[in-house]
Amino acid sequence: MTAPAESTAADRRRWARYLVEERAEGAVYRRLAARRSGEEREILQSLADAESRHEQHWLELLGGEPTRLPRAGIRSRLLGWMAGRFGSIFVLALAQSAEARSPYDSEQFATPAMRADEKVHYEVVRGLAARGRRRLSGSFRAAVFGANDGLVSNLALVLGIGATGVAPGFVLFSGIAGLLAGALSMGAGEFVSVRSQRELLAATEANGAADANAADLDIDANELALVYRARGMDQAEALARAQRIVEAAQAGVRRNATGPIGTHAAHDDHEVVGGDWSAAISSFLLFGSGAIVPVLPWIFGLSGTTAIVAALALVGIALLTTGAMVGILSGGPPLRRALRQLLIGFGAAAITYLLGLVFGVGAV
């Protein structure tokens, strides 16, 4: 393919930019594929191959490799750097957002197949990111909740206590006590919560007792269909499934029953909920790591307004960071999530600080 006669210098610059972006995206998927195995590796490698096809399209329009090429965008370079150093979930979450904004929708020199590819790529990346989110969701939920709870609750505590005008040592002691009490409470609460949820899920798991005895059932009149109806199937589907199971069992073929609440679904639910000990330990450590931040100014000997301002600055940075991480992993705008975390945290701290001023024993 040669460049159309009506193409301009601006068109060629745009094609060159598309070329480097396709190369950068392909490199990201190849690096991710190298860190994965099995089906996920094959999917990521296929995405890289598709980006190579797009790359070849722009090379043909340009008439070969240009002597000078622009640099890839900062997002593509960041993804490439992260792909070689961090877990795929963060990279895939960012790549999902990037794939959602295809420039080819309004690009007259892109082929219909390329536009369709970009739409498919978004769904593929979204699916891969969803897998990672499911694996991460249990412990990540506990970790984010624990860290933010530690940041906000202990900031509110030390500001409220500090605003009363007590000695810096008392503020420090209150912050350390709040850290330990909150971390222990969070860890114990998460352990009980997740353990209870896993026990509840275990009670809903199907076992193979009914199917194991299917060969002895009457093929025309049996209660196996009731098992599937109890799992959510309608009457006709449940009866058809039961007849197939009985026929297979009588023929000497063992088949496992799967349904809306079958063993596989229950296993997936357990994976989403996460482990009780991992959730408890994550909550304890993350609450503690968050709760220590607002206490740091007093640990290093600051007091009064200086300590309060320093605590606000440190917690503000931490809240913005955790909020941005939540935004990245959820596929939402990181800045908006970061600002939301900041406003919530500072709002809670402002309330306790005002209460400390109202009920204080002296000026800070």
Protein backbone atom coordinates (compact mmCIF):
# COMPACT_ATOMS: atom_id res chain seq x y z
CA MET A 1 0.00 0.00 0.00
CA THR A 2 1.30 3.42 -0.93
CA ALA A 3 0.41 6.76 0.55
CA PRO A 4 -2.73 8.31 -1.03
CA ALA A 5 -2.06 11.20 -3.38
CA GLU A 6 -4.15 13.53 -1.24
CA SER A 7 -2.09 12.89 1.92
CA THR A 8 -0.29 15.83 3.51
CA ALA A 9 2.74 16.34 5.68
CA ALA A 10 0.41 16.50 8.69
CA ASP A 11 -1.02 13.12 7.71
CA ARG A 12 2.45 11.60 7.58
CA ARG A 13 3.32 13.00 11.01
CA ARG A 14 0.12 11.50 12.37
CA TRP A 15 0.89 8.12 10.78
CA ALA A 16 4.34 8.18 12.30
CA ARG A 17 2.79 8.85 15.70
CA TYR A 18 0.38 5.94 15.23
CA LEU A 19 3.32 3.75 14.24
CA VAL A 20 5.31 4.39 17.41
CA GLU A 21 2.21 3.99 19.57
CA GLU A 22 1.40 0.61 18.00
CA ARG A 23 4.97 -0.50 18.59
CA ALA A 24 4.85 0.65 22.19
CA GLU A 25 1.53 -1.11 22.83
CA GLY A 26 2.80 -4.30 21.21
CA ALA A 27 5.89 -4.20 23.42
CA VAL A 28 3.68 -3.85 26.51
CA TYR A 29 1.65 -6.93 25.62
CA ARG A 30 4.79 -8.95 24.82
CA ARG A 31 6.36 -8.02 28.17
CA LEU A 32 3.18 -8.96 29.98
CA ALA A 33 3.00 -12.24 28.05
CA ALA A 34 6.54 -13.08 29.15
CA ARG A 35 5.44 -12.80 32.78
CA ARG A 36 2.33 -14.97 32.38
CA SER A 37 1.69 -18.56 31.37
CA GLY A 38 -1.00 -20.69 29.80
CA GLU A 39 -4.09 -19.09 28.29
CA GLU A 40 -3.34 -15.57 29.47
CA ARG A 41 0.06 -15.69 27.82
CA GLU A 42 -1.48 -16.79 24.52
CA ILE A 43 -4.09 -14.02 24.67
CA LEU A 44 -1.50 -11.34 25.38
CA GLN A 45 0.74 -12.59 22.60
CA SER A 46 -2.20 -12.49 20.19
CA LEU A 47 -2.82 -8.87 21.15
CA ALA A 48 0.84 -8.09 20.43
CA ASP A 49 0.54 -9.77 17.03
CA ALA A 50 -2.51 -7.63 16.23
CA GLU A 51 -0.60 -4.47 17.11
CA SER A 52 2.14 -5.62 14.71
CA ARG A 53 -0.42 -5.84 11.92
CA HIS A 54 -1.53 -2.27 12.65
CA GLU A 55 2.10 -1.20 12.73
CA GLN A 56 2.64 -2.69 9.28
CA HIS A 57 -0.33 -0.73 7.91
CA TRP A 58 1.23 2.59 8.89
CA LEU A 59 4.65 1.50 7.63
CA GLU A 60 3.16 0.80 4.22
CA LEU A 61 1.44 4.18 4.12
CA LEU A 62 4.71 5.86 5.09
CA GLY A 63 6.55 3.95 2.39
CA GLY A 64 8.89 2.21 4.80
CA GLU A 65 10.72 3.04 8.01
CA PRO A 66 10.98 6.83 8.43
CA THR A 67 14.39 8.30 9.15
CA ARG A 68 12.99 10.10 12.20
CA LEU A 69 10.13 9.05 14.45
CA PRO A 70 8.48 10.87 17.35
CA ARG A 71 8.64 9.46 20.86
CA ALA A 72 5.73 7.42 22.13
CA GLY A 73 3.36 9.21 24.48
CA ILE A 74 4.07 9.32 28.19
CA ARG A 75 1.24 6.86 28.91
CA SER A 76 2.69 4.28 26.51
CA ARG A 77 6.21 4.72 27.92
CA LEU A 78 4.88 4.41 31.47
CA LEU A 79 2.99 1.23 30.58
CA GLY A 80 6.11 -0.22 28.98
CA TRP A 81 8.19 0.56 32.06
CA MET A 82 5.57 -0.90 34.41
CA ALA A 83 5.03 -4.02 32.28
CA GLY A 84 8.59 -5.14 32.91
CA ARG A 85 8.59 -4.43 36.64
CA PHE A 86 5.14 -4.78 38.20
CA GLY A 87 2.24 -7.16 38.25
CA SER A 88 -0.01 -7.24 35.21
CA ILE A 89 -3.13 -6.02 37.03
CA PHE A 90 -1.92 -2.39 37.24
CA VAL A 91 -0.69 -2.39 33.65
CA LEU A 92 -3.86 -4.03 32.31
CA ALA A 93 -6.04 -1.57 34.22
CA LEU A 94 -4.18 1.33 32.61
CA ALA A 95 -4.19 -0.39 29.21
CA GLN A 96 -7.95 -0.82 29.51
CA SER A 97 -8.39 2.93 29.79
CA ALA A 98 -6.01 3.48 26.87
CA GLU A 99 -7.81 0.98 24.62
CA ALA A 100 -11.14 2.67 25.38
CA ARG A 101 -9.96 5.83 23.57
CA SER A 102 -9.13 4.62 20.08
CA PRO A 103 -7.95 7.38 17.72
CA TYR A 104 -8.98 5.29 14.73
CA ASP A 105 -12.69 6.06 15.09
CA SER A 106 -12.12 9.41 13.38
CA GLU A 107 -9.06 8.45 11.34
CA GLN A 108 -9.91 8.22 7.64
CA PHE A 109 -6.73 6.29 6.79
CA ALA A 110 -7.41 3.51 9.32
CA THR A 111 -9.13 0.44 7.93
CA PRO A 112 -12.51 -0.79 9.21
CA ALA A 113 -10.73 -3.94 10.42
CA MET A 114 -8.36 -1.82 12.52
CA ARG A 115 -11.27 0.04 14.10
CA ALA A 116 -12.97 -3.25 14.88
CA ASP A 117 -9.72 -4.64 16.30
CA GLU A 118 -9.45 -1.74 18.74
CA LYS A 119 -12.98 -2.38 20.02
CA VAL A 120 -12.17 -6.05 20.48
CA HIS A 121 -8.87 -5.23 22.16
CA TYR A 122 -10.69 -3.15 24.75
CA GLU A 123 -12.98 -6.06 25.63
CA VAL A 124 -10.08 -8.51 25.75
CA VAL A 125 -8.00 -6.28 28.00
CA ARG A 126 -11.05 -5.56 30.15
CA GLY A 127 -11.59 -9.31 30.55
CA LEU A 128 -7.96 -9.93 31.50
CA ALA A 129 -8.03 -7.01 33.94
CA ALA A 130 -11.25 -8.38 35.43
CA ARG A 131 -9.52 -11.70 36.09
CA GLY A 132 -6.76 -9.91 37.96
CA ARG A 133 -9.26 -7.81 39.89
CA ARG A 134 -11.13 -10.93 40.98
CA ARG A 135 -7.90 -12.51 42.22
CA LEU A 136 -6.95 -9.32 44.00
CA SER A 137 -10.31 -8.07 45.21
CA GLY A 138 -10.53 -9.77 48.61
CA SER A 139 -7.16 -8.77 50.00
CA PHE A 140 -7.08 -5.48 48.09
CA ARG A 141 -10.43 -4.41 49.52
CA ALA A 142 -9.19 -5.11 53.03
CA ALA A 143 -5.86 -3.39 52.34
CA VAL A 144 -7.33 -0.19 50.88
CA PHE A 145 -10.00 -0.01 53.54
CA GLY A 146 -7.44 -0.61 56.28
CA ALA A 147 -4.96 1.99 54.99
CA ASN A 148 -7.55 4.70 54.49
CA ASP A 149 -9.24 3.97 57.79
CA GLY A 150 -5.87 4.27 59.53
CA LEU A 151 -5.06 7.53 57.77
CA VAL A 152 -8.41 9.19 58.35
CA SER A 153 -9.25 7.92 61.83
CA ASN A 154 -5.84 8.63 63.35
CA LEU A 155 -5.56 12.01 61.62
CA ALA A 156 -8.95 12.91 63.06
CA LEU A 157 -7.86 11.63 66.47
CA VAL A 158 -4.55 13.49 66.71
CA LEU A 159 -6.01 16.72 65.28
CA GLY A 160 -8.92 16.58 67.67
CA ILE A 161 -6.66 15.91 70.63
CA GLY A 162 -4.08 18.44 69.46
CA ALA A 163 -6.71 21.15 69.08
CA THR A 164 -7.56 20.92 72.78
CA GLY A 165 -4.16 22.35 73.66
CA VAL A 166 -2.76 19.36 75.55
CA ALA A 167 0.96 18.61 75.67
CA PRO A 168 2.60 17.13 72.54
CA GLY A 169 3.46 13.95 74.48
CA PHE A 170 -0.22 13.33 75.15
CA VAL A 171 -1.03 13.75 71.44
CA LEU A 172 1.71 11.26 70.58
CA PHE A 173 0.46 8.74 73.13
CA SER A 174 -3.10 9.14 71.84
CA GLY A 175 -1.95 8.55 68.27
CA ILE A 176 0.01 5.39 69.15
CA ALA A 177 -2.89 4.07 71.21
CA GLY A 178 -5.29 4.79 68.35
CA LEU A 179 -2.97 3.00 65.95
CA LEU A 180 -2.78 -0.19 68.02
CA ALA A 181 -6.45 -0.24 68.96
CA GLY A 182 -7.60 0.38 65.40
CA ALA A 183 -5.19 -2.11 63.81
CA LEU A 184 -6.19 -4.87 66.22
CA SER A 185 -9.87 -4.10 65.73
CA MET A 186 -9.55 -4.04 61.95
CA GLY A 187 -7.59 -7.30 61.83
CA ALA A 188 -10.02 -9.12 64.11
CA GLY A 189 -13.03 -7.71 62.31
CA GLU A 190 -11.77 -8.71 58.86
CA PHE A 191 -10.89 -12.21 60.07
CA VAL A 192 -14.36 -12.78 61.50
CA SER A 193 -16.06 -11.20 58.50
CA VAL A 194 -14.22 -13.16 55.82
CA ARG A 195 -14.27 -16.43 57.77
CA SER A 196 -18.04 -16.09 58.26
CA GLN A 197 -18.56 -15.33 54.58
CA ARG A 198 -16.49 -18.33 53.51
CA GLU A 199 -18.41 -20.57 55.89
CA LEU A 200 -21.66 -19.26 54.46
CA LEU A 201 -20.45 -19.98 50.92
CA ALA A 202 -19.31 -23.45 51.95
CA ALA A 203 -22.83 -24.18 53.16
CA THR A 204 -24.18 -23.44 49.67
CA GLU A 205 -21.72 -25.66 47.79
CA ALA A 206 -23.15 -28.57 45.88
CA ASN A 207 -21.69 -32.02 46.38
CA GLY A 208 -21.75 -35.00 44.07
CA ALA A 209 -23.86 -37.27 46.26
CA ALA A 210 -26.92 -37.06 44.02
CA ASP A 211 -24.97 -37.64 40.82
CA ALA A 212 -22.94 -40.47 42.34
CA ASN A 213 -26.12 -42.49 42.69
CA ALA A 214 -27.68 -41.38 39.43
CA ALA A 215 -27.30 -44.84 37.86
CA ASP A 216 -29.84 -46.25 40.32
CA LEU A 217 -32.53 -43.66 39.52
CA ASP A 218 -35.59 -44.21 37.38
CA ILE A 219 -34.92 -42.36 34.17
CA ASP A 220 -38.55 -41.28 33.77
CA ALA A 221 -39.45 -40.49 37.37
CA ASN A 222 -36.70 -39.26 39.65
CA GLU A 223 -35.95 -36.41 42.01
CA LEU A 224 -32.61 -35.42 40.47
CA ALA A 225 -34.41 -32.70 38.52
CA LEU A 226 -35.42 -31.16 41.85
CA VAL A 227 -31.72 -30.72 42.66
CA TYR A 228 -31.21 -28.59 39.56
CA ARG A 229 -34.44 -26.67 40.13
CA ALA A 230 -33.21 -25.85 43.62
CA ARG A 231 -30.02 -24.51 42.02
CA GLY A 232 -31.97 -22.08 39.86
CA MET A 233 -32.86 -23.94 36.65
CA ASP A 234 -36.37 -23.86 35.24
CA GLN A 235 -38.43 -27.04 35.22
CA ALA A 236 -37.83 -28.08 31.60
CA GLU A 237 -34.08 -27.46 31.72
CA ALA A 238 -33.78 -29.26 35.06
CA LEU A 239 -35.66 -32.31 33.76
CA ALA A 240 -33.54 -32.46 30.61
CA ARG A 241 -30.33 -32.19 32.63
CA ALA A 242 -31.48 -34.91 35.03
CA GLN A 243 -32.33 -37.29 32.16
CA ARG A 244 -28.92 -36.74 30.55
CA ILE A 245 -27.15 -37.41 33.85
CA VAL A 246 -29.11 -40.60 34.48
CA GLU A 247 -28.54 -41.87 30.94
CA ALA A 248 -24.82 -41.21 31.17
CA ALA A 249 -24.59 -42.83 34.61
CA GLN A 250 -26.43 -45.93 33.47
CA ALA A 251 -24.09 -46.13 30.49
CA GLY A 252 -21.15 -46.13 32.88
CA VAL A 253 -20.06 -42.54 32.19
CA ARG A 254 -19.51 -40.36 35.20
CA ARG A 255 -20.37 -36.72 34.60
CA ASN A 256 -20.15 -33.88 37.04
CA ALA A 257 -23.17 -31.65 37.45
CA THR A 258 -22.62 -27.95 37.21
CA GLY A 259 -25.23 -25.34 37.83
CA PRO A 260 -25.75 -21.77 38.92
CA ILE A 261 -24.61 -22.74 42.42
CA GLY A 262 -22.31 -25.61 41.50
CA THR A 263 -18.87 -26.43 42.83
CA HIS A 264 -17.07 -24.29 40.25
CA ALA A 265 -19.19 -21.24 41.02
CA ALA A 266 -18.66 -21.68 44.73
CA HIS A 267 -14.91 -21.96 44.15
CA ASP A 268 -14.98 -18.69 42.22
CA ASP A 269 -16.90 -17.05 45.05
CA HIS A 270 -14.28 -18.19 47.55
CA GLU A 271 -11.57 -16.71 45.32
CA VAL A 272 -13.36 -13.37 45.18
CA VAL A 273 -13.92 -13.24 48.95
CA GLY A 274 -10.26 -13.98 49.63
CA GLY A 275 -8.59 -15.68 52.58
CA ASP A 276 -9.51 -14.87 56.17
CA TRP A 277 -5.93 -14.73 57.45
CA SER A 278 -4.68 -12.73 54.48
CA ALA A 279 -7.52 -10.24 54.91
CA ALA A 280 -6.87 -9.95 58.66
CA ILE A 281 -3.11 -9.51 58.29
CA SER A 282 -3.54 -7.05 55.42
CA SER A 283 -6.00 -5.00 57.46
CA PHE A 284 -3.76 -4.98 60.53
CA LEU A 285 -0.61 -3.99 58.65
CA LEU A 286 -2.27 -1.52 56.31
CA PHE A 287 -4.24 0.17 59.10
CA GLY A 288 -1.04 0.44 61.08
CA SER A 289 0.93 1.82 58.14
CA GLY A 290 -1.80 4.35 57.49
CA ALA A 291 -2.30 5.29 61.12
CA ILE A 292 1.40 5.95 61.73
CA VAL A 293 1.50 8.68 59.07
CA PRO A 294 -0.40 11.40 60.99
CA VAL A 295 1.63 10.64 64.13
CA LEU A 296 5.01 11.13 62.45
CA PRO A 297 5.28 14.90 63.12
CA TRP A 298 4.90 14.33 66.86
CA ILE A 299 7.31 11.37 66.77
CA PHE A 300 9.95 13.69 65.30
CA GLY A 301 9.38 16.31 67.98
CA LEU A 302 7.07 18.80 66.24
CA SER A 303 4.19 20.35 68.12
CA GLY A 304 1.34 22.81 67.79
CA THR A 305 0.34 24.25 64.43
CA THR A 306 3.56 23.06 62.78
CA ALA A 307 2.81 19.44 63.66
CA ILE A 308 -0.80 19.77 62.48
CA VAL A 309 0.19 21.24 59.12
CA ALA A 310 2.84 18.56 58.64
CA ALA A 311 0.32 15.82 59.50
CA LEU A 312 -2.17 17.24 57.01
CA ALA A 313 0.46 17.35 54.27
CA LEU A 314 1.64 13.79 54.86
CA VAL A 315 -1.86 12.34 55.07
CA GLY A 316 -2.93 14.36 52.05
CA ILE A 317 -0.19 12.82 49.93
CA ALA A 318 -1.08 9.34 51.19
CA LEU A 319 -4.81 9.82 50.51
CA LEU A 320 -4.13 11.07 47.00
CA THR A 321 -1.89 8.07 46.33
CA THR A 322 -4.35 5.44 47.56
CA GLY A 323 -7.22 7.16 45.78
CA ALA A 324 -5.30 7.17 42.51
CA MET A 325 -4.47 3.47 42.91
CA VAL A 326 -8.14 2.66 43.42
CA GLY A 327 -8.96 4.65 40.31
CA ILE A 328 -6.36 2.80 38.25
CA LEU A 329 -7.47 -0.64 39.36
CA SER A 330 -11.17 0.12 38.96
CA GLY A 331 -10.68 1.58 35.49
CA GLY A 332 -11.95 4.97 36.64
CA PRO A 333 -10.26 8.38 36.48
CA PRO A 334 -7.37 8.32 39.00
CA LEU A 335 -7.46 12.08 39.69
CA ARG A 336 -11.14 12.07 40.55
CA ARG A 337 -10.75 9.10 42.90
CA ALA A 338 -7.70 10.73 44.51
CA LEU A 339 -9.55 14.00 45.15
CA ARG A 340 -12.52 12.11 46.53
CA GLN A 341 -10.29 10.33 49.04
CA LEU A 342 -8.68 13.63 50.02
CA LEU A 343 -11.98 15.45 50.57
CA ILE A 344 -13.43 12.63 52.64
CA GLY A 345 -10.33 12.34 54.82
CA PHE A 346 -9.89 16.06 55.38
CA GLY A 347 -13.62 16.49 55.98
CA ALA A 348 -13.57 13.97 58.83
CA ALA A 349 -10.41 15.53 60.29
CA ALA A 350 -11.90 19.03 60.11
CA ILE A 351 -14.91 17.97 62.17
CA THR A 352 -12.83 16.53 65.01
CA TYR A 353 -10.44 19.49 64.91
CA LEU A 354 -13.34 21.92 65.34
CA LEU A 355 -14.68 19.81 68.20
CA GLY A 356 -11.23 19.92 69.81
CA LEU A 357 -11.22 23.72 69.55
CA VAL A 358 -14.70 23.95 71.05
CA PHE A 359 -13.94 21.67 74.01
CA GLY A 360 -10.22 22.47 74.30
CA VAL A 361 -8.40 23.61 77.38
CA GLY A 362 -6.27 26.18 75.59
CA ALA A 363 -5.02 27.42 72.26
CA VAL A 364 -2.73 25.18 70.22
